[in-house]
Amino acid sequence: MKKTVTVNLGGSIVTLEEDAYSILNGYLSRLERHFANDSGKQEIIDDIEHRMAELFRENGKDEKYVNTTQDVNRVIKTMGEPGEIGDAEPNTTNNTNTTYDMPAYKRLYRNPDNRILGGVCSGLGAYWNLDPILLRILFIVLFFGVGTGFLLYLILWIAIPKAVTLTEKMEMRGEPITAENIGKNYTSTQK
């Protein structure tokens, strides 16, 4: 029989075996040391913890599931070790042999960072890799030509959620949500 530990990870309750907790605690300590000099260290760590809690929930198990060392190692492999997080320039490519269990996927969100009204066109543009200006022109043509552009825009404004957190903004762009990418995106938003 093994002891279990219940922790609050990114606002979610996660139950771990004692050995798995030791591994996770060591990983979070390494992350804190890695981001110690960043001004937004706590926000970066909070975003990483939030994503890790999502990965634990994606096991498909209920809240009473006890995560093992294999579960913790899988999440750490997905997020990446702090030593793998490079300080490369934003325009350079970092060719590492790191493989991630979870592929990047896109989700449709309204983009509050590049919006004119509600961020619908900007969010659709990020999802489909289109320039938002093209979509804005399309909605204007639909508005004046057919008369349904405003109604369609209003429905999409209500139906599509707004990307609020850093991880939601990364999902909107289709970026893998790893510790490295969270750190890079947080640093680039603070400049």
N, C-alpha and C. Protein backbone atom coordinates (compact mmCIF):
# COMPACT_ATOMS: atom_id res chain seq x y z
N MET A 1 0.85 -1.17 0.00
CA MET A 1 0.00 0.00 0.00
C MET A 1 0.90 1.24 0.00
N LYS A 2 0.55 2.20 -0.87
CA LYS A 2 1.35 3.42 -1.00
C LYS A 2 0.56 4.60 -0.45
N LYS A 3 1.31 5.58 0.07
CA LYS A 3 0.69 6.81 0.55
C LYS A 3 0.34 7.68 -0.64
N THR A 4 -0.72 8.47 -0.50
CA THR A 4 -1.11 9.40 -1.55
C THR A 4 -1.07 10.82 -1.00
N VAL A 5 -0.89 11.76 -1.92
CA VAL A 5 -0.82 13.17 -1.58
C VAL A 5 -1.79 13.90 -2.50
N THR A 6 -2.59 14.78 -1.93
CA THR A 6 -3.50 15.59 -2.72
C THR A 6 -2.93 17.00 -2.78
N VAL A 7 -2.78 17.52 -4.02
CA VAL A 7 -2.18 18.84 -4.20
C VAL A 7 -3.10 19.71 -5.04
N ASN A 8 -2.92 21.01 -4.89
CA ASN A 8 -3.61 21.99 -5.72
C ASN A 8 -2.63 22.39 -6.81
N LEU A 9 -2.92 21.98 -8.04
CA LEU A 9 -2.03 22.23 -9.16
C LEU A 9 -2.77 23.08 -10.18
N GLY A 10 -2.41 24.34 -10.25
CA GLY A 10 -3.05 25.24 -11.20
C GLY A 10 -4.54 25.42 -10.92
N GLY A 11 -4.92 25.37 -9.66
CA GLY A 11 -6.32 25.55 -9.30
C GLY A 11 -7.14 24.27 -9.36
N SER A 12 -6.52 23.16 -9.70
CA SER A 12 -7.22 21.87 -9.76
C SER A 12 -6.63 20.93 -8.72
N ILE A 13 -7.49 20.10 -8.18
CA ILE A 13 -7.06 19.12 -7.20
C ILE A 13 -6.54 17.89 -7.95
N VAL A 14 -5.31 17.48 -7.62
CA VAL A 14 -4.68 16.32 -8.25
C VAL A 14 -4.20 15.41 -7.13
N THR A 15 -4.51 14.13 -7.24
CA THR A 15 -4.07 13.15 -6.26
C THR A 15 -2.92 12.35 -6.86
N LEU A 16 -1.83 12.27 -6.09
CA LEU A 16 -0.61 11.62 -6.57
C LEU A 16 -0.13 10.61 -5.54
N GLU A 17 0.57 9.58 -6.04
CA GLU A 17 1.30 8.71 -5.13
C GLU A 17 2.44 9.53 -4.53
N GLU A 18 2.92 9.12 -3.38
CA GLU A 18 3.98 9.88 -2.70
C GLU A 18 5.24 9.98 -3.56
N ASP A 19 5.61 8.89 -4.25
CA ASP A 19 6.78 8.92 -5.13
C ASP A 19 6.54 9.87 -6.30
N ALA A 20 5.34 9.86 -6.86
CA ALA A 20 5.01 10.75 -7.99
C ALA A 20 5.03 12.21 -7.53
N TYR A 21 4.57 12.46 -6.30
CA TYR A 21 4.61 13.82 -5.76
C TYR A 21 6.05 14.31 -5.65
N SER A 22 6.96 13.45 -5.22
CA SER A 22 8.37 13.84 -5.10
C SER A 22 8.95 14.23 -6.45
N ILE A 23 8.61 13.46 -7.49
CA ILE A 23 9.09 13.76 -8.84
C ILE A 23 8.52 15.09 -9.31
N LEU A 24 7.21 15.28 -9.12
CA LEU A 24 6.55 16.51 -9.56
C LEU A 24 7.08 17.72 -8.80
N ASN A 25 7.27 17.59 -7.52
CA ASN A 25 7.79 18.68 -6.70
C ASN A 25 9.20 19.07 -7.15
N GLY A 26 10.03 18.08 -7.45
CA GLY A 26 11.37 18.36 -7.96
C GLY A 26 11.33 19.07 -9.30
N TYR A 27 10.41 18.66 -10.18
CA TYR A 27 10.27 19.30 -11.48
C TYR A 27 9.85 20.76 -11.33
N LEU A 28 8.87 21.01 -10.47
CA LEU A 28 8.42 22.39 -10.26
C LEU A 28 9.51 23.24 -9.63
N SER A 29 10.32 22.66 -8.76
CA SER A 29 11.45 23.39 -8.17
C SER A 29 12.48 23.75 -9.24
N ARG A 30 12.74 22.82 -10.17
CA ARG A 30 13.67 23.10 -11.26
C ARG A 30 13.12 24.21 -12.15
N LEU A 31 11.82 24.21 -12.40
CA LEU A 31 11.21 25.27 -13.20
C LEU A 31 11.34 26.62 -12.51
N GLU A 32 11.11 26.64 -11.20
CA GLU A 32 11.23 27.90 -10.45
C GLU A 32 12.65 28.44 -10.50
N ARG A 33 13.64 27.56 -10.41
CA ARG A 33 15.03 28.01 -10.51
C ARG A 33 15.33 28.51 -11.92
N HIS A 34 14.75 27.85 -12.94
CA HIS A 34 15.01 28.24 -14.32
C HIS A 34 14.44 29.63 -14.62
N PHE A 35 13.25 29.92 -14.10
CA PHE A 35 12.59 31.20 -14.36
C PHE A 35 12.82 32.21 -13.24
N ALA A 36 13.80 31.98 -12.37
CA ALA A 36 14.03 32.84 -11.20
C ALA A 36 14.32 34.28 -11.58
N ASN A 37 14.97 34.52 -12.71
CA ASN A 37 15.35 35.88 -13.08
C ASN A 37 14.29 36.59 -13.91
N ASP A 38 13.23 35.91 -14.31
CA ASP A 38 12.16 36.53 -15.08
C ASP A 38 11.25 37.33 -14.16
N SER A 39 10.82 38.49 -14.63
CA SER A 39 9.97 39.34 -13.79
C SER A 39 8.60 38.71 -13.57
N GLY A 40 8.12 37.91 -14.50
CA GLY A 40 6.81 37.28 -14.37
C GLY A 40 6.89 35.82 -14.00
N LYS A 41 7.87 35.48 -13.16
CA LYS A 41 8.10 34.08 -12.80
C LYS A 41 6.84 33.40 -12.28
N GLN A 42 6.10 34.06 -11.42
CA GLN A 42 4.93 33.43 -10.81
C GLN A 42 3.83 33.17 -11.85
N GLU A 43 3.65 34.10 -12.78
CA GLU A 43 2.64 33.89 -13.82
C GLU A 43 3.03 32.75 -14.74
N ILE A 44 4.31 32.63 -15.06
CA ILE A 44 4.78 31.54 -15.91
C ILE A 44 4.55 30.21 -15.20
N ILE A 45 4.94 30.12 -13.94
CA ILE A 45 4.77 28.89 -13.18
C ILE A 45 3.28 28.55 -13.05
N ASP A 46 2.44 29.56 -12.82
CA ASP A 46 0.99 29.31 -12.73
C ASP A 46 0.43 28.76 -14.03
N ASP A 47 0.87 29.31 -15.17
CA ASP A 47 0.41 28.81 -16.47
C ASP A 47 0.88 27.37 -16.70
N ILE A 48 2.11 27.09 -16.32
CA ILE A 48 2.64 25.73 -16.48
C ILE A 48 1.86 24.76 -15.59
N GLU A 49 1.59 25.16 -14.34
CA GLU A 49 0.82 24.30 -13.45
C GLU A 49 -0.58 24.06 -13.98
N HIS A 50 -1.20 25.11 -14.54
CA HIS A 50 -2.53 24.98 -15.11
C HIS A 50 -2.52 23.96 -16.25
N ARG A 51 -1.53 24.05 -17.12
CA ARG A 51 -1.43 23.11 -18.25
C ARG A 51 -1.16 21.70 -17.75
N MET A 52 -0.32 21.56 -16.73
CA MET A 52 -0.05 20.23 -16.19
C MET A 52 -1.31 19.62 -15.60
N ALA A 53 -2.12 20.42 -14.92
CA ALA A 53 -3.38 19.91 -14.38
C ALA A 53 -4.30 19.44 -15.51
N GLU A 54 -4.31 20.18 -16.64
CA GLU A 54 -5.11 19.75 -17.79
C GLU A 54 -4.61 18.41 -18.32
N LEU A 55 -3.30 18.23 -18.36
CA LEU A 55 -2.74 16.97 -18.85
C LEU A 55 -3.08 15.82 -17.92
N PHE A 56 -3.08 16.07 -16.62
CA PHE A 56 -3.48 15.02 -15.68
C PHE A 56 -4.96 14.66 -15.87
N ARG A 57 -5.80 15.67 -16.12
CA ARG A 57 -7.23 15.40 -16.34
C ARG A 57 -7.48 14.67 -17.65
N GLU A 58 -6.61 14.86 -18.64
CA GLU A 58 -6.79 14.22 -19.93
C GLU A 58 -6.54 12.72 -19.88
N ASN A 59 -6.13 12.20 -18.73
CA ASN A 59 -5.99 10.76 -18.58
C ASN A 59 -7.33 10.05 -18.80
N GLY A 60 -8.43 10.82 -18.72
CA GLY A 60 -9.74 10.22 -18.87
C GLY A 60 -10.25 9.59 -17.59
N LYS A 61 -9.55 9.81 -16.52
CA LYS A 61 -9.94 9.24 -15.23
C LYS A 61 -10.75 10.27 -14.46
N ASP A 62 -11.45 9.81 -13.42
CA ASP A 62 -12.21 10.74 -12.60
C ASP A 62 -11.29 11.43 -11.60
N GLU A 63 -11.87 12.32 -10.81
CA GLU A 63 -11.08 13.12 -9.87
C GLU A 63 -10.42 12.28 -8.78
N LYS A 64 -10.96 11.11 -8.52
CA LYS A 64 -10.42 10.26 -7.46
C LYS A 64 -9.26 9.39 -7.94
N TYR A 65 -8.90 9.50 -9.22
CA TYR A 65 -7.81 8.72 -9.77
C TYR A 65 -6.50 9.16 -9.13
N VAL A 66 -5.69 8.19 -8.74
CA VAL A 66 -4.39 8.48 -8.15
C VAL A 66 -3.34 8.38 -9.25
N ASN A 67 -2.67 9.49 -9.53
CA ASN A 67 -1.66 9.54 -10.57
C ASN A 67 -0.39 8.87 -10.08
N THR A 68 0.20 8.07 -10.95
CA THR A 68 1.40 7.32 -10.61
C THR A 68 2.64 8.04 -11.15
N THR A 69 3.79 7.45 -10.89
CA THR A 69 5.03 8.03 -11.40
C THR A 69 5.05 8.03 -12.92
N GLN A 70 4.43 7.02 -13.56
CA GLN A 70 4.36 6.99 -15.03
C GLN A 70 3.55 8.18 -15.54
N ASP A 71 2.44 8.51 -14.86
CA ASP A 71 1.62 9.66 -15.26
C ASP A 71 2.42 10.96 -15.13
N VAL A 72 3.14 11.11 -14.03
CA VAL A 72 3.92 12.32 -13.81
C VAL A 72 5.05 12.42 -14.83
N ASN A 73 5.73 11.31 -15.11
CA ASN A 73 6.80 11.32 -16.10
C ASN A 73 6.27 11.64 -17.50
N ARG A 74 5.07 11.17 -17.83
CA ARG A 74 4.46 11.47 -19.13
C ARG A 74 4.17 12.96 -19.24
N VAL A 75 3.64 13.57 -18.17
CA VAL A 75 3.35 15.00 -18.19
C VAL A 75 4.64 15.81 -18.28
N ILE A 76 5.66 15.41 -17.54
CA ILE A 76 6.94 16.11 -17.59
C ILE A 76 7.56 16.00 -18.98
N LYS A 77 7.46 14.84 -19.60
CA LYS A 77 7.99 14.66 -20.95
C LYS A 77 7.24 15.57 -21.93
N THR A 78 5.94 15.70 -21.75
CA THR A 78 5.14 16.55 -22.62
C THR A 78 5.52 18.02 -22.43
N MET A 79 5.69 18.44 -21.19
CA MET A 79 6.00 19.84 -20.90
C MET A 79 7.45 20.19 -21.23
N GLY A 80 8.34 19.24 -21.07
CA GLY A 80 9.76 19.50 -21.34
C GLY A 80 10.51 19.86 -20.07
N GLU A 81 11.74 19.40 -19.99
CA GLU A 81 12.58 19.69 -18.83
C GLU A 81 13.09 21.12 -18.90
N PRO A 82 13.34 21.75 -17.76
CA PRO A 82 13.87 23.12 -17.76
C PRO A 82 15.19 23.25 -18.52
N GLY A 83 16.02 22.23 -18.53
CA GLY A 83 17.28 22.28 -19.26
C GLY A 83 17.07 22.33 -20.77
N GLU A 84 15.91 21.86 -21.24
CA GLU A 84 15.60 21.89 -22.67
C GLU A 84 15.09 23.25 -23.10
N ILE A 85 14.73 24.08 -22.14
CA ILE A 85 14.18 25.38 -22.45
C ILE A 85 15.33 26.30 -22.79
N GLY A 86 15.42 26.65 -24.05
CA GLY A 86 16.54 27.45 -24.51
C GLY A 86 16.25 28.93 -24.41
N ASP A 87 17.29 29.70 -24.42
CA ASP A 87 17.16 31.15 -24.44
C ASP A 87 17.43 31.66 -25.84
N ALA A 88 16.90 30.94 -26.84
CA ALA A 88 17.13 31.32 -28.24
C ALA A 88 16.36 32.58 -28.57
N GLU A 89 16.84 33.27 -29.58
CA GLU A 89 16.16 34.46 -30.06
C GLU A 89 14.82 34.07 -30.65
N PRO A 90 13.81 34.95 -30.63
CA PRO A 90 12.50 34.59 -31.12
C PRO A 90 12.47 34.24 -32.60
N ASN A 91 13.36 34.76 -33.43
CA ASN A 91 13.31 34.51 -34.86
C ASN A 91 14.15 33.32 -35.29
N THR A 92 14.84 32.69 -34.36
CA THR A 92 15.66 31.54 -34.73
C THR A 92 14.90 30.27 -34.42
N THR A 93 15.23 29.22 -35.15
CA THR A 93 14.58 27.94 -34.89
C THR A 93 15.47 27.14 -33.97
N ASN A 94 14.86 26.44 -33.07
CA ASN A 94 15.58 25.64 -32.11
C ASN A 94 15.38 24.19 -32.50
N ASN A 95 16.38 23.58 -33.12
CA ASN A 95 16.27 22.20 -33.58
C ASN A 95 16.68 21.27 -32.46
N THR A 96 15.70 20.77 -31.73
CA THR A 96 15.98 19.80 -30.68
C THR A 96 15.31 18.50 -31.07
N ASN A 97 15.75 17.45 -30.48
CA ASN A 97 15.17 16.15 -30.76
C ASN A 97 14.08 15.80 -29.76
N THR A 98 13.49 16.77 -29.13
CA THR A 98 12.45 16.54 -28.16
C THR A 98 11.17 16.13 -28.87
N THR A 99 10.58 15.04 -28.41
CA THR A 99 9.30 14.62 -28.95
C THR A 99 8.26 14.78 -27.86
N TYR A 100 7.09 15.18 -28.26
CA TYR A 100 6.03 15.43 -27.31
C TYR A 100 4.91 14.42 -27.55
N ASP A 101 4.35 13.91 -26.47
CA ASP A 101 3.26 12.95 -26.58
C ASP A 101 2.01 13.59 -27.16
N MET A 102 1.75 14.83 -26.81
CA MET A 102 0.53 15.48 -27.22
C MET A 102 0.83 16.46 -28.35
N PRO A 103 0.24 16.23 -29.52
CA PRO A 103 0.49 17.17 -30.61
C PRO A 103 -0.23 18.48 -30.35
N ALA A 104 0.27 19.52 -31.00
CA ALA A 104 -0.39 20.82 -30.89
C ALA A 104 -1.71 20.75 -31.66
N TYR A 105 -2.71 21.35 -31.11
CA TYR A 105 -3.99 21.41 -31.80
C TYR A 105 -4.53 22.81 -31.66
N LYS A 106 -5.35 23.18 -32.61
CA LYS A 106 -5.91 24.52 -32.62
C LYS A 106 -7.33 24.48 -32.07
N ARG A 107 -7.66 25.54 -31.38
CA ARG A 107 -9.03 25.74 -30.91
C ARG A 107 -9.45 27.12 -31.37
N LEU A 108 -10.73 27.24 -31.61
CA LEU A 108 -11.28 28.50 -32.09
C LEU A 108 -11.61 29.40 -30.91
N TYR A 109 -10.99 30.56 -30.87
CA TYR A 109 -11.23 31.57 -29.85
C TYR A 109 -11.33 32.93 -30.53
N ARG A 110 -11.94 33.88 -29.84
CA ARG A 110 -11.87 35.27 -30.27
C ARG A 110 -10.53 35.81 -29.78
N ASN A 111 -9.86 36.60 -30.61
CA ASN A 111 -8.53 37.11 -30.27
C ASN A 111 -8.67 38.54 -29.72
N PRO A 112 -8.51 38.73 -28.42
CA PRO A 112 -8.65 40.07 -27.85
C PRO A 112 -7.45 40.98 -28.13
N ASP A 113 -6.33 40.41 -28.56
CA ASP A 113 -5.12 41.20 -28.77
C ASP A 113 -5.11 41.93 -30.11
N ASN A 114 -5.83 41.42 -31.08
CA ASN A 114 -5.84 42.02 -32.42
C ASN A 114 -7.29 42.19 -32.85
N ARG A 115 -8.03 42.96 -32.11
CA ARG A 115 -9.46 43.07 -32.38
C ARG A 115 -9.82 44.49 -32.78
N ILE A 116 -10.93 44.57 -33.51
CA ILE A 116 -11.52 45.87 -33.81
C ILE A 116 -12.83 45.99 -33.04
N LEU A 117 -13.68 44.97 -33.14
CA LEU A 117 -14.90 44.94 -32.32
C LEU A 117 -14.77 43.86 -31.25
N GLY A 118 -15.01 42.63 -31.64
CA GLY A 118 -15.00 41.56 -30.65
C GLY A 118 -13.88 40.56 -30.80
N GLY A 119 -13.05 40.70 -31.82
CA GLY A 119 -11.96 39.77 -32.04
C GLY A 119 -12.34 38.54 -32.83
N VAL A 120 -13.54 38.53 -33.43
CA VAL A 120 -14.01 37.36 -34.17
C VAL A 120 -13.14 37.14 -35.41
N CYS A 121 -12.94 38.15 -36.22
CA CYS A 121 -12.16 38.01 -37.45
C CYS A 121 -10.72 37.64 -37.15
N SER A 122 -10.16 38.24 -36.12
CA SER A 122 -8.80 37.93 -35.74
C SER A 122 -8.68 36.48 -35.25
N GLY A 123 -9.65 36.03 -34.49
CA GLY A 123 -9.66 34.64 -34.02
C GLY A 123 -9.83 33.65 -35.16
N LEU A 124 -10.75 33.95 -36.08
CA LEU A 124 -10.94 33.09 -37.25
C LEU A 124 -9.68 33.08 -38.12
N GLY A 125 -9.04 34.24 -38.24
CA GLY A 125 -7.80 34.31 -39.00
C GLY A 125 -6.69 33.48 -38.38
N ALA A 126 -6.58 33.51 -37.06
CA ALA A 126 -5.57 32.70 -36.38
C ALA A 126 -5.87 31.22 -36.55
N TYR A 127 -7.14 30.84 -36.52
CA TYR A 127 -7.53 29.44 -36.64
C TYR A 127 -7.26 28.91 -38.04
N TRP A 128 -7.58 29.70 -39.06
CA TRP A 128 -7.42 29.26 -40.44
C TRP A 128 -6.15 29.78 -41.10
N ASN A 129 -5.26 30.41 -40.37
CA ASN A 129 -4.02 30.98 -40.89
C ASN A 129 -4.29 31.96 -42.04
N LEU A 130 -5.25 32.83 -41.83
CA LEU A 130 -5.60 33.87 -42.80
C LEU A 130 -5.35 35.24 -42.18
N ASP A 131 -5.18 36.21 -43.04
CA ASP A 131 -5.06 37.58 -42.57
C ASP A 131 -6.44 38.06 -42.11
N PRO A 132 -6.56 38.58 -40.91
CA PRO A 132 -7.87 39.04 -40.41
C PRO A 132 -8.50 40.12 -41.28
N ILE A 133 -7.68 40.87 -42.01
CA ILE A 133 -8.21 41.92 -42.86
C ILE A 133 -9.11 41.33 -43.95
N LEU A 134 -8.70 40.17 -44.49
CA LEU A 134 -9.53 39.51 -45.50
C LEU A 134 -10.90 39.13 -44.93
N LEU A 135 -10.90 38.62 -43.73
CA LEU A 135 -12.16 38.24 -43.10
C LEU A 135 -13.01 39.47 -42.76
N ARG A 136 -12.36 40.54 -42.36
CA ARG A 136 -13.10 41.77 -42.08
C ARG A 136 -13.76 42.31 -43.35
N ILE A 137 -13.03 42.26 -44.44
CA ILE A 137 -13.60 42.70 -45.72
C ILE A 137 -14.77 41.81 -46.11
N LEU A 138 -14.63 40.50 -45.89
CA LEU A 138 -15.72 39.57 -46.19
C LEU A 138 -16.97 39.91 -45.39
N PHE A 139 -16.82 40.19 -44.11
CA PHE A 139 -17.98 40.55 -43.29
C PHE A 139 -18.60 41.87 -43.74
N ILE A 140 -17.78 42.82 -44.17
CA ILE A 140 -18.32 44.10 -44.66
C ILE A 140 -19.10 43.87 -45.96
N VAL A 141 -18.56 43.04 -46.86
CA VAL A 141 -19.26 42.72 -48.10
C VAL A 141 -20.58 42.02 -47.80
N LEU A 142 -20.55 41.08 -46.87
CA LEU A 142 -21.80 40.40 -46.49
C LEU A 142 -22.79 41.36 -45.85
N PHE A 143 -22.29 42.33 -45.12
CA PHE A 143 -23.17 43.29 -44.46
C PHE A 143 -23.87 44.19 -45.49
N PHE A 144 -23.09 44.74 -46.42
CA PHE A 144 -23.69 45.66 -47.39
C PHE A 144 -24.31 44.93 -48.58
N GLY A 145 -23.74 43.79 -48.97
CA GLY A 145 -24.24 43.07 -50.13
C GLY A 145 -25.49 42.26 -49.82
N VAL A 146 -25.41 41.40 -48.86
CA VAL A 146 -26.51 40.49 -48.55
C VAL A 146 -27.30 40.97 -47.33
N GLY A 147 -26.64 41.66 -46.45
CA GLY A 147 -27.30 42.16 -45.25
C GLY A 147 -27.22 41.23 -44.06
N THR A 148 -26.51 40.13 -44.19
CA THR A 148 -26.43 39.17 -43.09
C THR A 148 -25.09 39.21 -42.36
N GLY A 149 -24.16 40.03 -42.81
CA GLY A 149 -22.83 40.08 -42.22
C GLY A 149 -22.83 40.44 -40.76
N PHE A 150 -23.61 41.45 -40.40
CA PHE A 150 -23.63 41.88 -38.99
C PHE A 150 -24.26 40.82 -38.10
N LEU A 151 -25.35 40.20 -38.57
CA LEU A 151 -26.00 39.16 -37.79
C LEU A 151 -25.06 37.96 -37.60
N LEU A 152 -24.39 37.56 -38.68
CA LEU A 152 -23.44 36.45 -38.58
C LEU A 152 -22.31 36.79 -37.61
N TYR A 153 -21.77 38.01 -37.71
CA TYR A 153 -20.71 38.44 -36.81
C TYR A 153 -21.19 38.43 -35.36
N LEU A 154 -22.39 38.91 -35.13
CA LEU A 154 -22.94 38.95 -33.78
C LEU A 154 -23.11 37.54 -33.20
N ILE A 155 -23.59 36.62 -34.02
CA ILE A 155 -23.75 35.23 -33.56
C ILE A 155 -22.39 34.62 -33.22
N LEU A 156 -21.40 34.85 -34.08
CA LEU A 156 -20.06 34.32 -33.81
C LEU A 156 -19.44 34.97 -32.56
N TRP A 157 -19.71 36.26 -32.37
CA TRP A 157 -19.21 36.96 -31.19
C TRP A 157 -19.74 36.32 -29.92
N ILE A 158 -20.99 35.93 -29.95
CA ILE A 158 -21.61 35.30 -28.77
C ILE A 158 -21.14 33.85 -28.62
N ALA A 159 -21.00 33.13 -29.72
CA ALA A 159 -20.74 31.70 -29.67
C ALA A 159 -19.27 31.34 -29.42
N ILE A 160 -18.35 32.14 -29.92
CA ILE A 160 -16.93 31.81 -29.80
C ILE A 160 -16.38 32.42 -28.51
N PRO A 161 -15.75 31.59 -27.67
CA PRO A 161 -15.18 32.13 -26.42
C PRO A 161 -13.96 32.99 -26.69
N LYS A 162 -13.70 33.92 -25.78
CA LYS A 162 -12.55 34.81 -25.89
C LYS A 162 -11.32 34.13 -25.28
N ALA A 163 -10.19 34.22 -25.95
CA ALA A 163 -8.93 33.68 -25.43
C ALA A 163 -8.42 34.62 -24.36
N VAL A 164 -8.49 34.17 -23.11
CA VAL A 164 -8.11 35.01 -21.99
C VAL A 164 -6.73 34.65 -21.47
N THR A 165 -6.50 33.38 -21.23
CA THR A 165 -5.23 32.96 -20.66
C THR A 165 -4.18 32.76 -21.74
N LEU A 166 -2.94 32.68 -21.32
CA LEU A 166 -1.84 32.47 -22.25
C LEU A 166 -1.97 31.13 -22.96
N THR A 167 -2.39 30.10 -22.25
CA THR A 167 -2.53 28.78 -22.88
C THR A 167 -3.65 28.79 -23.92
N GLU A 168 -4.73 29.52 -23.67
CA GLU A 168 -5.80 29.62 -24.66
C GLU A 168 -5.31 30.36 -25.91
N LYS A 169 -4.50 31.38 -25.72
CA LYS A 169 -3.95 32.10 -26.87
C LYS A 169 -2.99 31.22 -27.66
N MET A 170 -2.25 30.35 -26.96
CA MET A 170 -1.37 29.43 -27.66
C MET A 170 -2.17 28.37 -28.41
N GLU A 171 -3.26 27.89 -27.80
CA GLU A 171 -4.13 26.94 -28.49
C GLU A 171 -4.75 27.57 -29.73
N MET A 172 -5.10 28.84 -29.64
CA MET A 172 -5.69 29.55 -30.76
C MET A 172 -4.73 29.58 -31.95
N ARG A 173 -3.44 29.72 -31.68
CA ARG A 173 -2.44 29.77 -32.74
C ARG A 173 -1.92 28.39 -33.12
N GLY A 174 -2.28 27.36 -32.35
CA GLY A 174 -1.84 26.00 -32.65
C GLY A 174 -0.45 25.68 -32.17
N GLU A 175 0.04 26.39 -31.16
CA GLU A 175 1.37 26.14 -30.62
C GLU A 175 1.30 25.05 -29.56
N PRO A 176 2.31 24.17 -29.51
CA PRO A 176 2.33 23.18 -28.43
C PRO A 176 2.46 23.88 -27.08
N ILE A 177 1.73 23.41 -26.12
CA ILE A 177 1.75 24.05 -24.81
C ILE A 177 2.76 23.32 -23.94
N THR A 178 3.99 23.80 -24.03
CA THR A 178 5.09 23.25 -23.25
C THR A 178 5.62 24.33 -22.33
N ALA A 179 6.43 23.93 -21.38
CA ALA A 179 7.02 24.90 -20.45
C ALA A 179 7.86 25.92 -21.21
N GLU A 180 8.58 25.46 -22.22
CA GLU A 180 9.42 26.36 -23.03
C GLU A 180 8.56 27.40 -23.74
N ASN A 181 7.49 26.95 -24.40
CA ASN A 181 6.64 27.88 -25.15
C ASN A 181 5.88 28.84 -24.23
N ILE A 182 5.47 28.36 -23.08
CA ILE A 182 4.81 29.26 -22.12
C ILE A 182 5.77 30.35 -21.68
N GLY A 183 7.01 29.96 -21.38
CA GLY A 183 8.02 30.95 -20.98
C GLY A 183 8.31 31.94 -22.08
N LYS A 184 8.47 31.46 -23.33
CA LYS A 184 8.75 32.35 -24.45
C LYS A 184 7.59 33.31 -24.70
N ASN A 185 6.35 32.78 -24.70
CA ASN A 185 5.20 33.62 -24.98
C ASN A 185 4.98 34.64 -23.88
N TYR A 186 5.21 34.25 -22.64
CA TYR A 186 5.04 35.22 -21.55
C TYR A 186 6.08 36.32 -21.66
N THR A 187 7.31 35.94 -21.96
CA THR A 187 8.39 36.92 -22.09
C THR A 187 8.11 37.87 -23.26
N SER A 188 7.60 37.33 -24.37
CA SER A 188 7.35 38.19 -25.54
C SER A 188 6.16 39.12 -25.31
N THR A 189 5.18 38.74 -24.49
CA THR A 189 4.06 39.63 -24.22
C THR A 189 4.43 40.74 -23.24
N GLN A 190 5.50 40.56 -22.47
CA GLN A 190 5.90 41.55 -21.50
C GLN A 190 6.80 42.63 -22.11
N LYS A 191 7.29 42.42 -23.33
CA LYS A 191 8.19 43.41 -23.96
C LYS A 191 7.43 44.50 -24.62
